[in-house]
Amino acid sequence: MSDEKPAPVTSEHPDAPFHTSGTDHVTVWGSNEEDTLAFYRDLLGMPLVLRQPNLDDPSQTHLFFDTGDGRILTVFVSDERASARGQRVNTGAVHHLCFSVEPDEYEDIMAALEDAGKGYNVFDRGIFHSIYTQDNNGLVIELSADKYEIPNDRKGEVLATAQRLREEDGADFAQDRHMEGALEALGLPVNKHDLPDADAGVGM
């Protein structure tokens, strides 16, 4: 076991040669266009904002979806590929994609997934509330709602403060009391969204 101290958790920028300014897009390998549109556009409600050839391999099509805040999900598709089942778990593979949803749409989202024949699980993750399902290729998709109202430009600060409170508390993971304490410590209002009761899913 290493004696080295774990890397510090902080919202401050690290001493690095440069700093990223945000997430522009994430790209995944998809199956065919029809199945990809059926899931991301028709079920999750993401507008298809651009379609063009994959510039590295023009035999494939590159689909661009707006995830809701101008940040983009892109998918390489080909009519030669059928949708697949099962998640790839090799090192370097994507574990899951998470998209934000509004807390007041939670019940409607679960109903829509049921209507589409999609299985799902619901968990209270302490810092947010999540619905997990799978896309047409078995990639895990998380639909996450913040449990508390947090200004977007303060989210990193709130989470880093919750981390400090969690460590001081000796808790295994951040919970409501740490999030509420972080908001109070930073002078932010504590407004909790009305979300369904759910297990944390720890160790499941």
C-alpha atoms as a PDB file:
ATOM      1  CA  MET A   1       0.000   0.000   0.000  1.00  0.00           C
ATOM      2  CA  SER A   2       1.406   3.400  -0.914  1.00  0.00           C
ATOM      3  CA  ASP A   3       2.309   5.836   1.878  1.00  0.00           C
ATOM      4  CA  GLU A   4       1.782   8.800  -0.423  1.00  0.00           C
ATOM      5  CA  LYS A   5      -0.983  11.205   0.513  1.00  0.00           C
ATOM      6  CA  PRO A   6      -3.937  11.274  -1.891  1.00  0.00           C
ATOM      7  CA  ALA A   7      -4.129  14.163  -4.301  1.00  0.00           C
ATOM      8  CA  PRO A   8      -5.845  17.171  -2.741  1.00  0.00           C
ATOM      9  CA  VAL A   9      -9.439  17.920  -3.747  1.00  0.00           C
ATOM     10  CA  THR A  10      -9.934  21.622  -4.478  1.00  0.00           C
ATOM     11  CA  SER A  11     -11.776  23.933  -6.841  1.00  0.00           C
ATOM     12  CA  GLU A  12      -8.561  25.934  -7.375  1.00  0.00           C
ATOM     13  CA  HIS A  13      -6.785  25.569 -10.716  1.00  0.00           C
ATOM     14  CA  PRO A  14      -3.794  23.202 -10.505  1.00  0.00           C
ATOM     15  CA  ASP A  15      -0.272  24.287 -11.379  1.00  0.00           C
ATOM     16  CA  ALA A  16      -0.425  23.130 -14.990  1.00  0.00           C
ATOM     17  CA  PRO A  17       0.953  24.456 -18.294  1.00  0.00           C
ATOM     18  CA  PHE A  18      -2.614  25.386 -19.368  1.00  0.00           C
ATOM     19  CA  HIS A  19      -6.203  24.960 -18.228  1.00  0.00           C
ATOM     20  CA  THR A  20      -9.212  23.757 -20.209  1.00  0.00           C
ATOM     21  CA  SER A  21     -12.150  26.137 -20.456  1.00  0.00           C
ATOM     22  CA  GLY A  22     -14.966  23.562 -20.511  1.00  0.00           C
ATOM     23  CA  THR A  23     -16.282  20.472 -22.281  1.00  0.00           C
ATOM     24  CA  ASP A  24     -16.819  21.073 -25.989  1.00  0.00           C
ATOM     25  CA  HIS A  25     -17.994  17.618 -27.047  1.00  0.00           C
ATOM     26  CA  VAL A  26     -17.741  13.895 -26.392  1.00  0.00           C
ATOM     27  CA  THR A  27     -17.675  11.410 -29.282  1.00  0.00           C
ATOM     28  CA  VAL A  28     -18.740   7.761 -29.108  1.00  0.00           C
ATOM     29  CA  TRP A  29     -18.738   4.912 -31.594  1.00  0.00           C
ATOM     30  CA  GLY A  30     -22.345   4.290 -32.580  1.00  0.00           C
ATOM     31  CA  SER A  31     -24.140   1.675 -34.608  1.00  0.00           C
ATOM     32  CA  ASN A  32     -26.455   2.937 -37.360  1.00  0.00           C
ATOM     33  CA  GLU A  33     -28.134   6.304 -37.808  1.00  0.00           C
ATOM     34  CA  GLU A  34     -31.719   5.075 -37.418  1.00  0.00           C
ATOM     35  CA  ASP A  35     -31.192   3.484 -33.992  1.00  0.00           C
ATOM     36  CA  THR A  36     -28.984   6.348 -32.794  1.00  0.00           C
ATOM     37  CA  LEU A  37     -31.603   8.959 -33.727  1.00  0.00           C
ATOM     38  CA  ALA A  38     -34.328   6.877 -32.088  1.00  0.00           C
ATOM     39  CA  PHE A  39     -32.513   6.983 -28.755  1.00  0.00           C
ATOM     40  CA  TYR A  40     -30.727  10.317 -28.537  1.00  0.00           C
ATOM     41  CA  ARG A  41     -33.112  12.505 -30.560  1.00  0.00           C
ATOM     42  CA  ASP A  42     -36.506  10.859 -30.224  1.00  0.00           C
ATOM     43  CA  LEU A  43     -36.245   9.570 -26.618  1.00  0.00           C
ATOM     44  CA  LEU A  44     -33.754  11.876 -24.855  1.00  0.00           C
ATOM     45  CA  GLY A  45     -34.898  14.889 -26.869  1.00  0.00           C
ATOM     46  CA  MET A  46     -31.505  16.077 -28.142  1.00  0.00           C
ATOM     47  CA  PRO A  47     -31.730  18.079 -31.378  1.00  0.00           C
ATOM     48  CA  LEU A  48     -29.646  16.770 -34.268  1.00  0.00           C
ATOM     49  CA  VAL A  49     -27.728  19.951 -35.121  1.00  0.00           C
ATOM     50  CA  LEU A  50     -25.166  18.717 -37.681  1.00  0.00           C
ATOM     51  CA  ARG A  51     -24.636  15.723 -39.960  1.00  0.00           C
ATOM     52  CA  GLN A  52     -21.526  15.274 -42.052  1.00  0.00           C
ATOM     53  CA  PRO A  53     -19.000  12.601 -43.028  1.00  0.00           C
ATOM     54  CA  ASN A  54     -16.514  11.402 -40.425  1.00  0.00           C
ATOM     55  CA  LEU A  55     -13.534  13.378 -41.733  1.00  0.00           C
ATOM     56  CA  ASP A  56     -11.128  10.615 -40.674  1.00  0.00           C
ATOM     57  CA  ASP A  57     -13.215   7.949 -42.436  1.00  0.00           C
ATOM     58  CA  PRO A  58     -15.784   9.346 -44.917  1.00  0.00           C
ATOM     59  CA  SER A  59     -17.479   5.941 -45.185  1.00  0.00           C
ATOM     60  CA  GLN A  60     -19.058   6.767 -41.817  1.00  0.00           C
ATOM     61  CA  THR A  61     -21.447   9.547 -40.837  1.00  0.00           C
ATOM     62  CA  HIS A  62     -20.767  11.956 -37.977  1.00  0.00           C
ATOM     63  CA  LEU A  63     -23.910  13.029 -36.068  1.00  0.00           C
ATOM     64  CA  PHE A  64     -23.858  16.032 -33.720  1.00  0.00           C
ATOM     65  CA  PHE A  65     -26.464  16.362 -30.945  1.00  0.00           C
ATOM     66  CA  ASP A  66     -27.032  19.377 -28.677  1.00  0.00           C
ATOM     67  CA  THR A  67     -27.252  17.939 -25.153  1.00  0.00           C
ATOM     68  CA  GLY A  68     -29.237  20.937 -23.926  1.00  0.00           C
ATOM     69  CA  ASP A  69     -26.727  23.618 -22.933  1.00  0.00           C
ATOM     70  CA  GLY A  70     -24.816  23.983 -26.192  1.00  0.00           C
ATOM     71  CA  ARG A  71     -22.370  21.222 -25.285  1.00  0.00           C
ATOM     72  CA  ILE A  72     -22.324  18.567 -27.940  1.00  0.00           C
ATOM     73  CA  LEU A  73     -22.454  14.773 -28.099  1.00  0.00           C
ATOM     74  CA  THR A  74     -21.245  13.361 -31.405  1.00  0.00           C
ATOM     75  CA  VAL A  75     -21.659   9.819 -32.688  1.00  0.00           C
ATOM     76  CA  PHE A  76     -19.929   7.998 -35.517  1.00  0.00           C
ATOM     77  CA  VAL A  77     -22.509   5.807 -37.287  1.00  0.00           C
ATOM     78  CA  SER A  78     -22.661   3.492 -40.264  1.00  0.00           C
ATOM     79  CA  ASP A  79     -25.595   1.697 -41.852  1.00  0.00           C
ATOM     80  CA  GLU A  80     -23.335  -1.369 -41.921  1.00  0.00           C
ATOM     81  CA  ARG A  81     -23.382  -1.640 -38.098  1.00  0.00           C
ATOM     82  CA  ALA A  82     -26.229  -3.135 -36.096  1.00  0.00           C
ATOM     83  CA  SER A  83     -26.939  -1.991 -32.562  1.00  0.00           C
ATOM     84  CA  ALA A  84     -25.209  -4.159 -29.983  1.00  0.00           C
ATOM     85  CA  ARG A  85     -25.816  -5.317 -26.433  1.00  0.00           C
ATOM     86  CA  GLY A  86     -23.428  -5.295 -23.522  1.00  0.00           C
ATOM     87  CA  GLN A  87     -20.968  -2.757 -22.204  1.00  0.00           C
ATOM     88  CA  ARG A  88     -17.256  -2.719 -22.994  1.00  0.00           C
ATOM     89  CA  VAL A  89     -15.234  -2.594 -19.784  1.00  0.00           C
ATOM     90  CA  ASN A  90     -11.636  -2.530 -21.022  1.00  0.00           C
ATOM     91  CA  THR A  91      -9.258   0.061 -19.592  1.00  0.00           C
ATOM     92  CA  GLY A  92      -9.740   3.289 -21.493  1.00  0.00           C
ATOM     93  CA  ALA A  93     -13.338   2.482 -22.412  1.00  0.00           C
ATOM     94  CA  VAL A  94     -16.159   4.857 -21.518  1.00  0.00           C
ATOM     95  CA  HIS A  95     -17.968   3.722 -18.372  1.00  0.00           C
ATOM     96  CA  HIS A  96     -21.044   5.923 -18.867  1.00  0.00           C
ATOM     97  CA  LEU A  97     -22.282   9.253 -20.144  1.00  0.00           C
ATOM     98  CA  CYS A  98     -24.233  11.569 -17.844  1.00  0.00           C
ATOM     99  CA  PHE A  99     -26.666  14.233 -19.012  1.00  0.00           C
ATOM    100  CA  SER A 100     -28.418  16.820 -16.836  1.00  0.00           C
ATOM    101  CA  VAL A 101     -32.191  16.795 -16.520  1.00  0.00           C
ATOM    102  CA  GLU A 102     -34.587  19.089 -14.687  1.00  0.00           C
ATOM    103  CA  PRO A 103     -35.787  17.779 -11.303  1.00  0.00           C
ATOM    104  CA  ASP A 104     -39.425  18.578 -12.080  1.00  0.00           C
ATOM    105  CA  GLU A 105     -39.307  16.311 -15.146  1.00  0.00           C
ATOM    106  CA  TYR A 106     -38.159  13.222 -13.219  1.00  0.00           C
ATOM    107  CA  GLU A 107     -41.505  11.418 -13.183  1.00  0.00           C
ATOM    108  CA  ASP A 108     -42.071  12.151 -16.884  1.00  0.00           C
ATOM    109  CA  ILE A 109     -38.610  10.803 -17.731  1.00  0.00           C
ATOM    110  CA  MET A 110     -39.237   7.517 -15.932  1.00  0.00           C
ATOM    111  CA  ALA A 111     -42.614   7.171 -17.659  1.00  0.00           C
ATOM    112  CA  ALA A 112     -41.039   7.862 -21.071  1.00  0.00           C
ATOM    113  CA  LEU A 113     -38.351   5.221 -20.479  1.00  0.00           C
ATOM    114  CA  GLU A 114     -41.019   2.697 -19.507  1.00  0.00           C
ATOM    115  CA  ASP A 115     -43.077   3.548 -22.589  1.00  0.00           C
ATOM    116  CA  ALA A 116     -39.966   3.036 -24.741  1.00  0.00           C
ATOM    117  CA  GLY A 117     -39.343  -0.377 -23.169  1.00  0.00           C
ATOM    118  CA  LYS A 118     -36.130   0.816 -21.512  1.00  0.00           C
ATOM    119  CA  GLY A 119     -35.164  -0.593 -18.145  1.00  0.00           C
ATOM    120  CA  TYR A 120     -33.776   1.847 -15.598  1.00  0.00           C
ATOM    121  CA  ASN A 121     -32.573   2.200 -12.013  1.00  0.00           C
ATOM    122  CA  VAL A 122     -32.927   5.211  -9.727  1.00  0.00           C
ATOM    123  CA  PHE A 123     -30.329   6.116  -7.102  1.00  0.00           C
ATOM    124  CA  ASP A 124     -29.765   8.910  -4.598  1.00  0.00           C
ATOM    125  CA  ARG A 125     -26.055   9.601  -5.068  1.00  0.00           C
ATOM    126  CA  GLY A 126     -25.773  12.105  -2.226  1.00  0.00           C
ATOM    127  CA  ILE A 127     -24.668  15.055  -4.331  1.00  0.00           C
ATOM    128  CA  PHE A 128     -27.227  14.424  -7.065  1.00  0.00           C
ATOM    129  CA  HIS A 129     -30.086  12.084  -7.989  1.00  0.00           C
ATOM    130  CA  SER A 130     -29.708   9.749 -10.962  1.00  0.00           C
ATOM    131  CA  ILE A 131     -31.667   7.591 -13.362  1.00  0.00           C
ATOM    132  CA  TYR A 132     -29.548   4.962 -15.144  1.00  0.00           C
ATOM    133  CA  THR A 133     -30.551   3.316 -18.406  1.00  0.00           C
ATOM    134  CA  GLN A 134     -28.745   2.107 -21.559  1.00  0.00           C
ATOM    135  CA  ASP A 135     -28.615   3.401 -25.104  1.00  0.00           C
ATOM    136  CA  ASN A 136     -29.163   1.251 -28.182  1.00  0.00           C
ATOM    137  CA  ASN A 137     -25.635  -0.165 -27.907  1.00  0.00           C
ATOM    138  CA  GLY A 138     -25.574  -1.010 -24.210  1.00  0.00           C
ATOM    139  CA  LEU A 139     -23.675   2.138 -23.190  1.00  0.00           C
ATOM    140  CA  VAL A 140     -24.812   3.192 -19.719  1.00  0.00           C
ATOM    141  CA  ILE A 141     -26.590   6.559 -19.793  1.00  0.00           C
ATOM    142  CA  GLU A 142     -27.076   8.489 -16.564  1.00  0.00           C
ATOM    143  CA  LEU A 143     -29.732  11.207 -16.349  1.00  0.00           C
ATOM    144  CA  SER A 144     -28.787  13.337 -13.381  1.00  0.00           C
ATOM    145  CA  ALA A 145     -30.680  16.025 -11.451  1.00  0.00           C
ATOM    146  CA  ASP A 146     -29.018  18.190  -8.833  1.00  0.00           C
ATOM    147  CA  LYS A 147     -30.560  17.618  -5.406  1.00  0.00           C
ATOM    148  CA  TYR A 148     -29.955  21.253  -4.500  1.00  0.00           C
ATOM    149  CA  GLU A 149     -30.046  24.496  -6.450  1.00  0.00           C
ATOM    150  CA  ILE A 150     -26.400  25.301  -7.244  1.00  0.00           C
ATOM    151  CA  PRO A 151     -25.244  28.120  -9.527  1.00  0.00           C
ATOM    152  CA  ASN A 152     -23.332  26.583 -12.443  1.00  0.00           C
ATOM    153  CA  ASP A 153     -20.314  28.794 -11.808  1.00  0.00           C
ATOM    154  CA  ARG A 154     -20.155  27.672  -8.157  1.00  0.00           C
ATOM    155  CA  LYS A 155     -20.619  23.914  -8.593  1.00  0.00           C
ATOM    156  CA  GLY A 156     -16.931  23.008  -8.302  1.00  0.00           C
ATOM    157  CA  GLU A 157     -16.621  25.187  -5.196  1.00  0.00           C
ATOM    158  CA  VAL A 158     -19.664  23.571  -3.575  1.00  0.00           C
ATOM    159  CA  LEU A 159     -18.449  20.042  -4.299  1.00  0.00           C
ATOM    160  CA  ALA A 160     -14.935  20.743  -3.029  1.00  0.00           C
ATOM    161  CA  THR A 161     -16.386  22.185   0.192  1.00  0.00           C
ATOM    162  CA  ALA A 162     -18.699  19.169   0.575  1.00  0.00           C
ATOM    163  CA  GLN A 163     -15.624  16.955   0.153  1.00  0.00           C
ATOM    164  CA  ARG A 164     -13.852  18.763   3.013  1.00  0.00           C
ATOM    165  CA  LEU A 165     -16.909  18.409   5.255  1.00  0.00           C
ATOM    166  CA  ARG A 166     -17.251  14.734   4.331  1.00  0.00           C
ATOM    167  CA  GLU A 167     -13.630  14.047   5.287  1.00  0.00           C
ATOM    168  CA  GLU A 168     -14.021  15.928   8.577  1.00  0.00           C
ATOM    169  CA  ASP A 169     -17.153  13.874   9.243  1.00  0.00           C
ATOM    170  CA  GLY A 170     -15.417  10.569   8.441  1.00  0.00           C
ATOM    171  CA  ALA A 171     -18.193   9.617   6.021  1.00  0.00           C
ATOM    172  CA  ASP A 172     -17.580   7.263   3.094  1.00  0.00           C
ATOM    173  CA  PHE A 173     -19.302   9.531   0.568  1.00  0.00           C
ATOM    174  CA  ALA A 174     -20.855  12.990   0.377  1.00  0.00           C
ATOM    175  CA  GLN A 175     -24.403  13.092   1.698  1.00  0.00           C
ATOM    176  CA  ASP A 176     -27.167  15.650   2.201  1.00  0.00           C
ATOM    177  CA  ARG A 177     -25.656  17.079   5.376  1.00  0.00           C
ATOM    178  CA  HIS A 178     -22.366  17.748   3.601  1.00  0.00           C
ATOM    179  CA  MET A 179     -24.043  19.416   0.633  1.00  0.00           C
ATOM    180  CA  GLU A 180     -26.229  21.552   2.883  1.00  0.00           C
ATOM    181  CA  GLY A 181     -23.230  22.447   5.032  1.00  0.00           C
ATOM    182  CA  ALA A 182     -21.234  23.411   1.937  1.00  0.00           C
ATOM    183  CA  LEU A 183     -23.981  25.687   0.642  1.00  0.00           C
ATOM    184  CA  GLU A 184     -24.314  27.347   4.040  1.00  0.00           C
ATOM    185  CA  ALA A 185     -20.529  27.760   4.389  1.00  0.00           C
ATOM    186  CA  LEU A 186     -20.398  29.496   1.007  1.00  0.00           C
ATOM    187  CA  GLY A 187     -23.336  31.775   1.790  1.00  0.00           C
ATOM    188  CA  LEU A 188     -25.631  30.132  -0.758  1.00  0.00           C
ATOM    189  CA  PRO A 189     -29.321  29.355  -0.117  1.00  0.00           C
ATOM    190  CA  VAL A 190     -30.184  25.751   0.729  1.00  0.00           C
ATOM    191  CA  ASN A 191     -33.008  24.883  -1.675  1.00  0.00           C
ATOM    192  CA  LYS A 192     -33.602  21.151  -2.030  1.00  0.00           C
ATOM    193  CA  HIS A 193     -35.511  19.771  -5.007  1.00  0.00           C
ATOM    194  CA  ASP A 194     -38.423  17.370  -4.514  1.00  0.00           C
ATOM    195  CA  LEU A 195     -37.057  14.068  -5.821  1.00  0.00           C
ATOM    196  CA  PRO A 196     -38.197  10.498  -5.119  1.00  0.00           C
ATOM    197  CA  ASP A 197     -36.703   8.502  -2.264  1.00  0.00           C
ATOM    198  CA  ALA A 198     -34.064   6.064  -3.473  1.00  0.00           C
ATOM    199  CA  ASP A 199     -31.157   3.969  -2.223  1.00  0.00           C
ATOM    200  CA  ALA A 200     -27.616   5.232  -2.609  1.00  0.00           C
ATOM    201  CA  GLY A 201     -26.697   2.091  -4.559  1.00  0.00           C
ATOM    202  CA  VAL A 202     -23.450   1.734  -2.606  1.00  0.00           C
ATOM    203  CA  GLY A 203     -21.700  -1.513  -3.510  1.00  0.00           C
ATOM    204  CA  MET A 204     -24.452  -2.553  -5.937  1.00  0.00           C
END
